[in-house]
Amino acid sequence: MIIHLLTTSKVLKSVVSGIKKQLEVVKGPLKFHFDSIPELVPKRTKGLTFNELFHAAAGYRRVKGVPDGDFVLILTDLDNVNEYFATLNPANQRDGFVHTAEWNDYIDCHRSIPAAFTVLNIVLLGMMAGPKENLTDLTHEKSIGCLNDFCDEKREVTLKLRTGDICDVCLQRMIKAGITPLTIEQSLRLLESMRKTMTYRNYFHRILKPSPIKLILGNGKNEVVLFNYDNTWVKLTD
């Protein structure tokens, strides 16, 4: 299965490359193809409507001849009127979008990581859902640290980002929906990789303190020693 991820020039290149790096670190049945599309121009000042986003995805699918079983997701920094992190078109749960901005309001890491996490999340939800099934029926109204927590209060998303897990109920739903063990294994490994990247980075920056220094002056040395950085010597210039 191929997941087509479409960006406009408003999405920073560093974000796109970061998402690509996170999703391609583990190989498996899920393949990710990146492409660009023209700028999306919202008709309302509050942001893009779901229909505008779904229309862009459906148009790309039609023009490029993307098979029905593959996903087409718009990656956008623009706000949407419902302030969702991501969702799929109820009429075709293979078309949708993922919001790539504002993640730093909730977690201290490069926003490409939670954006990539959400790409995988919405793809798995789409694979779990039946033709007429509402995606919200597959999510947890109360956050429990599962990939499929709904997170109506957006700050709750931090819990599932830090957990990077799928609960037993959702795993059984995935198996029942016909998601293959190889796809589930790839997804779990991707989630763990992203979880580690987020949590280890945060832990490192919490414990990192300014280094004590020793200043050596005279005899032509004029140097500073940084004790917390392997006793690195820094020469001072005149």
C-alpha atoms as a PDB file:
ATOM      1  CA  MET A   1       0.000   0.000   0.000  1.00  0.00           C
ATOM      2  CA  ILE A   2       1.236   3.492  -0.892  1.00  0.00           C
ATOM      3  CA  ILE A   3       0.507   6.588   1.181  1.00  0.00           C
ATOM      4  CA  HIS A   4       0.785   9.688  -1.007  1.00  0.00           C
ATOM      5  CA  LEU A   5       1.776  12.707   1.101  1.00  0.00           C
ATOM      6  CA  LEU A   6       1.204  16.040  -0.626  1.00  0.00           C
ATOM      7  CA  THR A   7       2.690  19.346   0.469  1.00  0.00           C
ATOM      8  CA  THR A   8       2.595  22.948  -0.682  1.00  0.00           C
ATOM      9  CA  SER A   9       5.483  25.401  -0.542  1.00  0.00           C
ATOM     10  CA  LYS A  10       4.084  26.832   2.703  1.00  0.00           C
ATOM     11  CA  VAL A  11       5.211  23.684   4.535  1.00  0.00           C
ATOM     12  CA  LEU A  12       8.865  24.093   5.461  1.00  0.00           C
ATOM     13  CA  LYS A  13      11.288  21.805   3.656  1.00  0.00           C
ATOM     14  CA  SER A  14      12.801  20.816   6.999  1.00  0.00           C
ATOM     15  CA  VAL A  15       9.380  19.614   8.157  1.00  0.00           C
ATOM     16  CA  VAL A  16       8.818  17.584   4.985  1.00  0.00           C
ATOM     17  CA  SER A  17      12.267  15.997   5.157  1.00  0.00           C
ATOM     18  CA  GLY A  18      11.752  15.276   8.858  1.00  0.00           C
ATOM     19  CA  ILE A  19       8.427  13.538   8.228  1.00  0.00           C
ATOM     20  CA  LYS A  20      10.015  11.525   5.427  1.00  0.00           C
ATOM     21  CA  LYS A  21      12.903  10.488   7.678  1.00  0.00           C
ATOM     22  CA  GLN A  22      10.592   9.365  10.483  1.00  0.00           C
ATOM     23  CA  LEU A  23       8.277   7.327   8.248  1.00  0.00           C
ATOM     24  CA  GLU A  24      10.987   5.611   6.230  1.00  0.00           C
ATOM     25  CA  VAL A  25      13.199   4.471   9.113  1.00  0.00           C
ATOM     26  CA  VAL A  26      11.367   1.112   9.224  1.00  0.00           C
ATOM     27  CA  LYS A  27      10.645  -0.763   5.991  1.00  0.00           C
ATOM     28  CA  GLY A  28       7.487  -2.771   5.457  1.00  0.00           C
ATOM     29  CA  PRO A  29       4.209  -2.998   3.519  1.00  0.00           C
ATOM     30  CA  LEU A  30       3.430   0.701   4.044  1.00  0.00           C
ATOM     31  CA  LYS A  31       5.238   2.802   1.429  1.00  0.00           C
ATOM     32  CA  PHE A  32       5.342   6.600   1.536  1.00  0.00           C
ATOM     33  CA  HIS A  33       5.432   8.740  -1.597  1.00  0.00           C
ATOM     34  CA  PHE A  34       5.963  12.517  -1.340  1.00  0.00           C
ATOM     35  CA  ASP A  35       4.767  15.002  -3.907  1.00  0.00           C
ATOM     36  CA  SER A  36       3.844  18.686  -4.115  1.00  0.00           C
ATOM     37  CA  ILE A  37       0.607  20.434  -5.065  1.00  0.00           C
ATOM     38  CA  PRO A  38      -0.343  24.086  -5.724  1.00  0.00           C
ATOM     39  CA  GLU A  39      -1.043  26.364  -2.782  1.00  0.00           C
ATOM     40  CA  LEU A  40      -4.372  25.912  -1.036  1.00  0.00           C
ATOM     41  CA  VAL A  41      -6.288  29.162  -0.642  1.00  0.00           C
ATOM     42  CA  PRO A  42      -8.982  29.102   2.053  1.00  0.00           C
ATOM     43  CA  LYS A  43     -12.260  30.806   1.212  1.00  0.00           C
ATOM     44  CA  ARG A  44     -12.766  31.713   4.852  1.00  0.00           C
ATOM     45  CA  THR A  45     -10.502  33.717   7.119  1.00  0.00           C
ATOM     46  CA  LYS A  46     -10.743  31.058   9.840  1.00  0.00           C
ATOM     47  CA  GLY A  47      -8.966  28.479   7.717  1.00  0.00           C
ATOM     48  CA  LEU A  48      -9.538  25.645   5.280  1.00  0.00           C
ATOM     49  CA  THR A  49     -12.760  23.675   5.388  1.00  0.00           C
ATOM     50  CA  PHE A  50     -12.668  19.897   5.381  1.00  0.00           C
ATOM     51  CA  ASN A  51     -14.328  19.901   1.956  1.00  0.00           C
ATOM     52  CA  GLU A  52     -11.540  22.095   0.520  1.00  0.00           C
ATOM     53  CA  LEU A  53      -8.924  19.677   1.820  1.00  0.00           C
ATOM     54  CA  PHE A  54     -10.827  16.596   0.676  1.00  0.00           C
ATOM     55  CA  HIS A  55     -11.370  18.168  -2.744  1.00  0.00           C
ATOM     56  CA  ALA A  56      -7.619  18.732  -3.147  1.00  0.00           C
ATOM     57  CA  ALA A  57      -6.882  15.124  -2.209  1.00  0.00           C
ATOM     58  CA  ALA A  58      -9.576  13.747  -4.522  1.00  0.00           C
ATOM     59  CA  GLY A  59      -8.320  15.931  -7.393  1.00  0.00           C
ATOM     60  CA  TYR A  60      -4.790  14.600  -7.034  1.00  0.00           C
ATOM     61  CA  ARG A  61      -6.106  11.032  -6.902  1.00  0.00           C
ATOM     62  CA  ARG A  62      -8.069  11.559 -10.088  1.00  0.00           C
ATOM     63  CA  VAL A  63      -5.292  13.294 -12.055  1.00  0.00           C
ATOM     64  CA  LYS A  64      -2.550  10.902 -10.995  1.00  0.00           C
ATOM     65  CA  GLY A  65      -4.689   7.778 -11.226  1.00  0.00           C
ATOM     66  CA  VAL A  66      -4.006   6.731  -7.626  1.00  0.00           C
ATOM     67  CA  PRO A  67      -5.563   3.295  -6.926  1.00  0.00           C
ATOM     68  CA  ASP A  68      -8.596   3.192  -4.645  1.00  0.00           C
ATOM     69  CA  GLY A  69      -6.769   1.303  -1.902  1.00  0.00           C
ATOM     70  CA  ASP A  70      -3.933   3.822  -1.555  1.00  0.00           C
ATOM     71  CA  PHE A  71      -4.079   6.895   0.677  1.00  0.00           C
ATOM     72  CA  VAL A  72      -3.828  10.533  -0.401  1.00  0.00           C
ATOM     73  CA  LEU A  73      -3.105  12.888   2.492  1.00  0.00           C
ATOM     74  CA  ILE A  74      -2.594  16.652   2.319  1.00  0.00           C
ATOM     75  CA  LEU A  75       0.155  17.897   4.653  1.00  0.00           C
ATOM     76  CA  THR A  76      -0.670  21.507   5.462  1.00  0.00           C
ATOM     77  CA  ASP A  77       0.461  24.266   7.822  1.00  0.00           C
ATOM     78  CA  LEU A  78      -2.782  26.162   7.238  1.00  0.00           C
ATOM     79  CA  ASP A  79      -5.419  26.068   9.969  1.00  0.00           C
ATOM     80  CA  ASN A  80      -8.660  24.199   9.395  1.00  0.00           C
ATOM     81  CA  VAL A  81     -11.986  25.519  10.618  1.00  0.00           C
ATOM     82  CA  ASN A  82     -12.528  22.590  13.010  1.00  0.00           C
ATOM     83  CA  GLU A  83      -8.977  22.747  14.434  1.00  0.00           C
ATOM     84  CA  TYR A  84      -8.390  19.020  13.877  1.00  0.00           C
ATOM     85  CA  PHE A  85      -4.964  17.427  13.898  1.00  0.00           C
ATOM     86  CA  ALA A  86      -6.093  15.150  11.071  1.00  0.00           C
ATOM     87  CA  THR A  87      -9.095  13.381   9.595  1.00  0.00           C
ATOM     88  CA  LEU A  88     -10.312  11.439   6.572  1.00  0.00           C
ATOM     89  CA  ASN A  89     -13.130  12.077   4.120  1.00  0.00           C
ATOM     90  CA  PRO A  90     -16.228  10.155   5.334  1.00  0.00           C
ATOM     91  CA  ALA A  91     -17.136   9.555   1.678  1.00  0.00           C
ATOM     92  CA  ASN A  92     -13.724   8.017   0.919  1.00  0.00           C
ATOM     93  CA  GLN A  93     -11.667   7.066   3.927  1.00  0.00           C
ATOM     94  CA  ARG A  94      -8.475   6.989   1.892  1.00  0.00           C
ATOM     95  CA  ASP A  95      -8.414  10.787   1.349  1.00  0.00           C
ATOM     96  CA  GLY A  96      -7.618  13.225   4.140  1.00  0.00           C
ATOM     97  CA  PHE A  97      -5.156  15.641   5.676  1.00  0.00           C
ATOM     98  CA  VAL A  98      -2.667  16.081   8.512  1.00  0.00           C
ATOM     99  CA  HIS A  99      -1.929  19.430  10.141  1.00  0.00           C
ATOM    100  CA  THR A 100       1.829  20.008  10.379  1.00  0.00           C
ATOM    101  CA  ALA A 101       1.948  23.234  12.432  1.00  0.00           C
ATOM    102  CA  GLU A 102       1.416  24.177  16.107  1.00  0.00           C
ATOM    103  CA  TRP A 103       2.862  20.930  17.467  1.00  0.00           C
ATOM    104  CA  ASN A 104       5.378  22.857  19.570  1.00  0.00           C
ATOM    105  CA  ASP A 105       2.443  24.142  21.620  1.00  0.00           C
ATOM    106  CA  TYR A 106       2.120  20.603  22.995  1.00  0.00           C
ATOM    107  CA  ILE A 107       5.528  18.927  22.897  1.00  0.00           C
ATOM    108  CA  ASP A 108       9.130  20.129  22.794  1.00  0.00           C
ATOM    109  CA  CYS A 109      10.544  18.463  19.712  1.00  0.00           C
ATOM    110  CA  HIS A 110      10.787  19.100  15.990  1.00  0.00           C
ATOM    111  CA  ARG A 111       7.212  19.257  14.733  1.00  0.00           C
ATOM    112  CA  SER A 112       7.938  16.800  11.937  1.00  0.00           C
ATOM    113  CA  ILE A 113       7.945  13.961  14.502  1.00  0.00           C
ATOM    114  CA  PRO A 114       4.382  14.360  15.875  1.00  0.00           C
ATOM    115  CA  ALA A 115       3.237  15.156  12.325  1.00  0.00           C
ATOM    116  CA  ALA A 116       4.688  11.842  11.085  1.00  0.00           C
ATOM    117  CA  PHE A 117       3.129  10.114  14.104  1.00  0.00           C
ATOM    118  CA  THR A 118      -0.259  11.525  13.093  1.00  0.00           C
ATOM    119  CA  VAL A 119       0.183  10.416   9.474  1.00  0.00           C
ATOM    120  CA  LEU A 120       0.604   6.835  10.659  1.00  0.00           C
ATOM    121  CA  ASN A 121      -2.284   7.249  13.101  1.00  0.00           C
ATOM    122  CA  ILE A 122      -4.786   8.406  10.480  1.00  0.00           C
ATOM    123  CA  VAL A 123      -3.663   5.750   7.979  1.00  0.00           C
ATOM    124  CA  LEU A 124      -4.234   2.954  10.492  1.00  0.00           C
ATOM    125  CA  LEU A 125      -7.624   4.392  11.429  1.00  0.00           C
ATOM    126  CA  GLY A 126      -8.601   4.455   7.769  1.00  0.00           C
ATOM    127  CA  MET A 127      -7.530   0.833   7.375  1.00  0.00           C
ATOM    128  CA  MET A 128      -9.520  -0.148  10.472  1.00  0.00           C
ATOM    129  CA  ALA A 129     -12.719   1.589   9.368  1.00  0.00           C
ATOM    130  CA  GLY A 130     -15.439  -0.083   7.361  1.00  0.00           C
ATOM    131  CA  PRO A 131     -16.945   1.659   4.296  1.00  0.00           C
ATOM    132  CA  LYS A 132     -19.616   3.468   6.311  1.00  0.00           C
ATOM    133  CA  GLU A 133     -17.957   3.510   9.724  1.00  0.00           C
ATOM    134  CA  ASN A 134     -17.442   6.786  11.582  1.00  0.00           C
ATOM    135  CA  LEU A 135     -13.790   7.248  12.524  1.00  0.00           C
ATOM    136  CA  THR A 136     -14.690   8.641  15.940  1.00  0.00           C
ATOM    137  CA  ASP A 137     -16.340   5.298  16.766  1.00  0.00           C
ATOM    138  CA  LEU A 138     -12.870   3.739  16.567  1.00  0.00           C
ATOM    139  CA  THR A 139     -11.249   6.228  18.933  1.00  0.00           C
ATOM    140  CA  HIS A 140     -11.127   6.499  22.714  1.00  0.00           C
ATOM    141  CA  GLU A 141     -13.164   9.395  24.036  1.00  0.00           C
ATOM    142  CA  LYS A 142     -11.124   9.306  27.259  1.00  0.00           C
ATOM    143  CA  SER A 143      -7.382   9.320  26.642  1.00  0.00           C
ATOM    144  CA  ILE A 144      -5.648   6.121  27.790  1.00  0.00           C
ATOM    145  CA  GLY A 145      -2.286   6.497  26.063  1.00  0.00           C
ATOM    146  CA  CYS A 146      -3.328   4.631  22.911  1.00  0.00           C
ATOM    147  CA  LEU A 147      -2.603   5.701  19.352  1.00  0.00           C
ATOM    148  CA  ASN A 148      -6.356   6.044  18.811  1.00  0.00           C
ATOM    149  CA  ASP A 149      -7.120   8.461  21.642  1.00  0.00           C
ATOM    150  CA  PHE A 150      -9.426  11.126  20.193  1.00  0.00           C
ATOM    151  CA  CYS A 151      -7.897  13.999  22.229  1.00  0.00           C
ATOM    152  CA  ASP A 152     -10.858  16.371  22.160  1.00  0.00           C
ATOM    153  CA  GLU A 153      -8.767  18.476  24.538  1.00  0.00           C
ATOM    154  CA  LYS A 154      -5.781  18.952  22.233  1.00  0.00           C
ATOM    155  CA  ARG A 155      -3.210  18.990  25.034  1.00  0.00           C
ATOM    156  CA  GLU A 156      -4.056  15.344  25.754  1.00  0.00           C
ATOM    157  CA  VAL A 157      -2.208  14.437  22.565  1.00  0.00           C
ATOM    158  CA  THR A 158       1.033  14.576  24.572  1.00  0.00           C
ATOM    159  CA  LEU A 159       0.059  11.354  26.357  1.00  0.00           C
ATOM    160  CA  LYS A 160      -0.240   9.226  23.247  1.00  0.00           C
ATOM    161  CA  LEU A 161       2.825  10.820  21.668  1.00  0.00           C
ATOM    162  CA  ARG A 162       4.917   9.875  24.697  1.00  0.00           C
ATOM    163  CA  THR A 163       3.385   6.398  24.970  1.00  0.00           C
ATOM    164  CA  GLY A 164       3.641   5.435  21.296  1.00  0.00           C
ATOM    165  CA  ASP A 165       1.462   2.377  21.861  1.00  0.00           C
ATOM    166  CA  ILE A 166      -1.661   0.628  20.592  1.00  0.00           C
ATOM    167  CA  CYS A 167      -4.033  -0.867  23.171  1.00  0.00           C
ATOM    168  CA  ASP A 168      -5.198  -4.490  23.003  1.00  0.00           C
ATOM    169  CA  VAL A 169      -8.716  -3.510  21.919  1.00  0.00           C
ATOM    170  CA  CYS A 170      -7.395  -1.531  18.955  1.00  0.00           C
ATOM    171  CA  LEU A 171      -4.924  -4.277  18.038  1.00  0.00           C
ATOM    172  CA  GLN A 172      -7.779  -6.767  17.883  1.00  0.00           C
ATOM    173  CA  ARG A 173      -9.811  -4.352  15.751  1.00  0.00           C
ATOM    174  CA  MET A 174      -6.879  -4.019  13.361  1.00  0.00           C
ATOM    175  CA  ILE A 175      -6.556  -7.771  12.999  1.00  0.00           C
ATOM    176  CA  LYS A 176     -10.320  -8.119  12.497  1.00  0.00           C
ATOM    177  CA  ALA A 177     -10.178  -5.394   9.810  1.00  0.00           C
ATOM    178  CA  GLY A 178      -7.621  -7.462   7.904  1.00  0.00           C
ATOM    179  CA  ILE A 179      -4.523  -5.362   8.619  1.00  0.00           C
ATOM    180  CA  THR A 180      -1.653  -7.786   8.173  1.00  0.00           C
ATOM    181  CA  PRO A 181       0.773  -8.709  10.985  1.00  0.00           C
ATOM    182  CA  LEU A 182       3.649  -7.252   8.921  1.00  0.00           C
ATOM    183  CA  THR A 183       1.848  -3.904   8.667  1.00  0.00           C
ATOM    184  CA  ILE A 184       1.097  -3.882  12.389  1.00  0.00           C
ATOM    185  CA  GLU A 185       4.713  -4.785  13.185  1.00  0.00           C
ATOM    186  CA  GLN A 186       6.023  -2.014  10.935  1.00  0.00           C
ATOM    187  CA  SER A 187       3.630   0.459  12.552  1.00  0.00           C
ATOM    188  CA  LEU A 188       4.614  -0.509  16.104  1.00  0.00           C
ATOM    189  CA  ARG A 189       8.294  -0.171  15.281  1.00  0.00           C
ATOM    190  CA  LEU A 190       7.709   3.227  13.690  1.00  0.00           C
ATOM    191  CA  LEU A 191       5.749   4.395  16.733  1.00  0.00           C
ATOM    192  CA  GLU A 192       8.500   3.232  19.071  1.00  0.00           C
ATOM    193  CA  SER A 193      11.160   4.961  16.986  1.00  0.00           C
ATOM    194  CA  MET A 194       9.247   8.245  17.059  1.00  0.00           C
ATOM    195  CA  ARG A 195       8.457   7.897  20.773  1.00  0.00           C
ATOM    196  CA  LYS A 196      12.129   7.446  21.608  1.00  0.00           C
ATOM    197  CA  THR A 197      13.133  10.398  19.472  1.00  0.00           C
ATOM    198  CA  MET A 198      10.652  12.643  21.280  1.00  0.00           C
ATOM    199  CA  THR A 199      11.184  11.466  24.862  1.00  0.00           C
ATOM    200  CA  TYR A 200      14.965  11.060  24.798  1.00  0.00           C
ATOM    201  CA  ARG A 201      15.425  14.499  23.308  1.00  0.00           C
ATOM    202  CA  ASN A 202      13.233  16.056  25.989  1.00  0.00           C
ATOM    203  CA  TYR A 203      15.022  14.201  28.786  1.00  0.00           C
ATOM    204  CA  PHE A 204      18.431  15.302  27.512  1.00  0.00           C
ATOM    205  CA  HIS A 205      17.439  18.957  27.417  1.00  0.00           C
ATOM    206  CA  ARG A 206      15.917  18.751  30.905  1.00  0.00           C
ATOM    207  CA  ILE A 207      19.131  17.453  32.461  1.00  0.00           C
ATOM    208  CA  LEU A 208      21.487  19.589  30.377  1.00  0.00           C
ATOM    209  CA  LYS A 209      22.862  22.415  32.491  1.00  0.00           C
ATOM    210  CA  PRO A 210      25.300  25.239  31.739  1.00  0.00           C
ATOM    211  CA  SER A 211      28.807  23.895  32.112  1.00  0.00           C
ATOM    212  CA  PRO A 212      31.038  25.010  35.009  1.00  0.00           C
ATOM    213  CA  ILE A 213      34.145  26.653  33.603  1.00  0.00           C
ATOM    214  CA  LYS A 214      37.710  27.169  34.646  1.00  0.00           C
ATOM    215  CA  LEU A 215      39.332  30.327  33.381  1.00  0.00           C
ATOM    216  CA  ILE A 216      43.095  30.231  32.817  1.00  0.00           C
ATOM    217  CA  LEU A 217      44.775  33.567  32.169  1.00  0.00           C
ATOM    218  CA  GLY A 218      48.376  34.587  31.756  1.00  0.00           C
ATOM    219  CA  ASN A 219      51.511  32.981  30.335  1.00  0.00           C
ATOM    220  CA  GLY A 220      50.008  33.428  26.875  1.00  0.00           C
ATOM    221  CA  LYS A 221      47.286  30.781  27.475  1.00  0.00           C
ATOM    222  CA  ASN A 222      44.043  32.729  28.015  1.00  0.00           C
ATOM    223  CA  GLU A 223      41.820  29.638  27.827  1.00  0.00           C
ATOM    224  CA  VAL A 224      38.484  28.409  29.192  1.00  0.00           C
ATOM    225  CA  VAL A 225      37.874  24.780  30.221  1.00  0.00           C
ATOM    226  CA  LEU A 226      34.279  23.421  29.935  1.00  0.00           C
ATOM    227  CA  PHE A 227      34.012  20.619  32.523  1.00  0.00           C
ATOM    228  CA  ASN A 228      30.641  19.241  31.293  1.00  0.00           C
ATOM    229  CA  TYR A 229      31.931  18.877  27.735  1.00  0.00           C
ATOM    230  CA  ASP A 230      34.796  16.433  28.230  1.00  0.00           C
ATOM    231  CA  ASN A 231      37.053  19.189  29.610  1.00  0.00           C
ATOM    232  CA  THR A 232      37.037  20.959  26.260  1.00  0.00           C
ATOM    233  CA  TRP A 233      39.574  23.795  26.026  1.00  0.00           C
ATOM    234  CA  VAL A 234      38.411  27.024  24.377  1.00  0.00           C
ATOM    235  CA  LYS A 235      41.092  29.545  23.465  1.00  0.00           C
ATOM    236  CA  LEU A 236      40.304  33.217  23.943  1.00  0.00           C
ATOM    237  CA  THR A 237      41.394  35.654  21.263  1.00  0.00           C
ATOM    238  CA  ASP A 238      42.686  39.145  21.918  1.00  0.00           C
END
